[in-house]
């Protein structure tokens, strides 16, 4: 069974999800429409968030196997 995300990982994930769109919007808002910036931030955040989630799943799986 999956466990809750650690507070440190939750903070990192929330920070990534907040910082990337804000940086993109601040730097590119004059050249690109908001929907393009939103799509770009999703494409940037998705692999990072999946990587963090996969690492947590792998650690839990190893912990269960070693018992």
C-alpha atoms as a PDB file:
ATOM      1  CA  UNK A   1       0.000   0.000   0.000  1.00  0.00           C
ATOM      2  CA  UNK A   2       1.258   3.452  -0.862  1.00  0.00           C
ATOM      3  CA  UNK A   3       2.268   5.716   1.972  1.00  0.00           C
ATOM      4  CA  UNK A   4       1.844   9.442   2.243  1.00  0.00           C
ATOM      5  CA  UNK A   5       4.423  11.645   0.621  1.00  0.00           C
ATOM      6  CA  UNK A   6       7.100  12.886   2.979  1.00  0.00           C
ATOM      7  CA  UNK A   7       6.833  16.557   3.982  1.00  0.00           C
ATOM      8  CA  UNK A   8      10.126  17.378   2.291  1.00  0.00           C
ATOM      9  CA  UNK A   9       9.067  15.751  -0.991  1.00  0.00           C
ATOM     10  CA  UNK A  10       5.649  17.417  -0.820  1.00  0.00           C
ATOM     11  CA  UNK A  11       7.296  20.816  -0.341  1.00  0.00           C
ATOM     12  CA  UNK A  12       9.666  20.189  -3.240  1.00  0.00           C
ATOM     13  CA  UNK A  13       6.807  19.112  -5.501  1.00  0.00           C
ATOM     14  CA  UNK A  14       4.665  22.096  -4.547  1.00  0.00           C
ATOM     15  CA  UNK A  15       7.607  24.432  -5.083  1.00  0.00           C
ATOM     16  CA  UNK A  16       8.281  23.035  -8.543  1.00  0.00           C
ATOM     17  CA  UNK A  17       4.644  23.299  -9.488  1.00  0.00           C
ATOM     18  CA  UNK A  18       4.538  26.934  -8.364  1.00  0.00           C
ATOM     19  CA  UNK A  19       7.938  28.241  -9.440  1.00  0.00           C
ATOM     20  CA  UNK A  20       8.129  26.982 -13.024  1.00  0.00           C
ATOM     21  CA  UNK A  21       4.865  28.586 -14.268  1.00  0.00           C
ATOM     22  CA  UNK A  22       5.653  31.845 -12.483  1.00  0.00           C
ATOM     23  CA  UNK A  23       9.128  32.047 -13.994  1.00  0.00           C
ATOM     24  CA  UNK A  24       7.829  31.247 -17.453  1.00  0.00           C
ATOM     25  CA  UNK A  25       5.060  33.804 -17.137  1.00  0.00           C
ATOM     26  CA  UNK A  26       7.422  36.477 -15.834  1.00  0.00           C
ATOM     27  CA  UNK A  27       9.933  35.961 -18.619  1.00  0.00           C
ATOM     28  CA  UNK A  28       7.695  35.132 -21.599  1.00  0.00           C
ATOM     29  CA  UNK A  29       4.359  36.843 -20.981  1.00  0.00           C
ATOM     30  CA  UNK A  30       4.930  39.474 -23.672  1.00  0.00           C
ATOM     31  CA  UNK A  31       5.895  37.006 -26.411  1.00  0.00           C
ATOM     32  CA  UNK A  32       3.490  34.110 -25.764  1.00  0.00           C
ATOM     33  CA  UNK A  33      -0.156  33.817 -24.669  1.00  0.00           C
ATOM     34  CA  UNK A  34      -0.937  32.457 -21.201  1.00  0.00           C
ATOM     35  CA  UNK A  35      -2.224  29.115 -22.494  1.00  0.00           C
ATOM     36  CA  UNK A  36       1.104  28.437 -24.216  1.00  0.00           C
ATOM     37  CA  UNK A  37       2.965  29.203 -21.004  1.00  0.00           C
ATOM     38  CA  UNK A  38       0.623  26.897 -19.074  1.00  0.00           C
ATOM     39  CA  UNK A  39       1.178  24.051 -21.522  1.00  0.00           C
ATOM     40  CA  UNK A  40       4.944  24.581 -21.401  1.00  0.00           C
ATOM     41  CA  UNK A  41       4.974  24.504 -17.602  1.00  0.00           C
ATOM     42  CA  UNK A  42       2.947  21.278 -17.599  1.00  0.00           C
ATOM     43  CA  UNK A  43       5.367  19.694 -20.053  1.00  0.00           C
ATOM     44  CA  UNK A  44       8.298  20.753 -17.866  1.00  0.00           C
ATOM     45  CA  UNK A  45       6.727  19.734 -14.546  1.00  0.00           C
ATOM     46  CA  UNK A  46       5.294  16.377 -15.611  1.00  0.00           C
ATOM     47  CA  UNK A  47       8.579  14.409 -15.937  1.00  0.00           C
ATOM     48  CA  UNK A  48       9.980  15.943 -12.758  1.00  0.00           C
ATOM     49  CA  UNK A  49       6.917  15.055 -10.703  1.00  0.00           C
ATOM     50  CA  UNK A  50       6.793  11.534 -12.194  1.00  0.00           C
ATOM     51  CA  UNK A  51      10.484  11.086 -11.352  1.00  0.00           C
ATOM     52  CA  UNK A  52       9.905  12.119  -7.730  1.00  0.00           C
ATOM     53  CA  UNK A  53       6.913   9.779  -7.463  1.00  0.00           C
ATOM     54  CA  UNK A  54       8.806   6.852  -9.020  1.00  0.00           C
ATOM     55  CA  UNK A  55      11.693   7.307  -6.591  1.00  0.00           C
ATOM     56  CA  UNK A  56       9.294   7.175  -3.658  1.00  0.00           C
ATOM     57  CA  UNK A  57       7.571   4.069  -5.034  1.00  0.00           C
ATOM     58  CA  UNK A  58      10.921   2.343  -5.592  1.00  0.00           C
ATOM     59  CA  UNK A  59      12.095   3.067  -2.053  1.00  0.00           C
ATOM     60  CA  UNK A  60       8.852   1.671  -0.606  1.00  0.00           C
ATOM     61  CA  UNK A  61       9.132  -1.425  -2.795  1.00  0.00           C
ATOM     62  CA  UNK A  62      12.743  -2.094  -1.708  1.00  0.00           C
ATOM     63  CA  UNK A  63      11.744  -1.584   1.931  1.00  0.00           C
ATOM     64  CA  UNK A  64       8.936  -4.149   1.582  1.00  0.00           C
ATOM     65  CA  UNK A  65      11.189  -6.646  -0.206  1.00  0.00           C
ATOM     66  CA  UNK A  66      13.909  -6.443   2.430  1.00  0.00           C
ATOM     67  CA  UNK A  67      11.531  -7.345   5.283  1.00  0.00           C
END
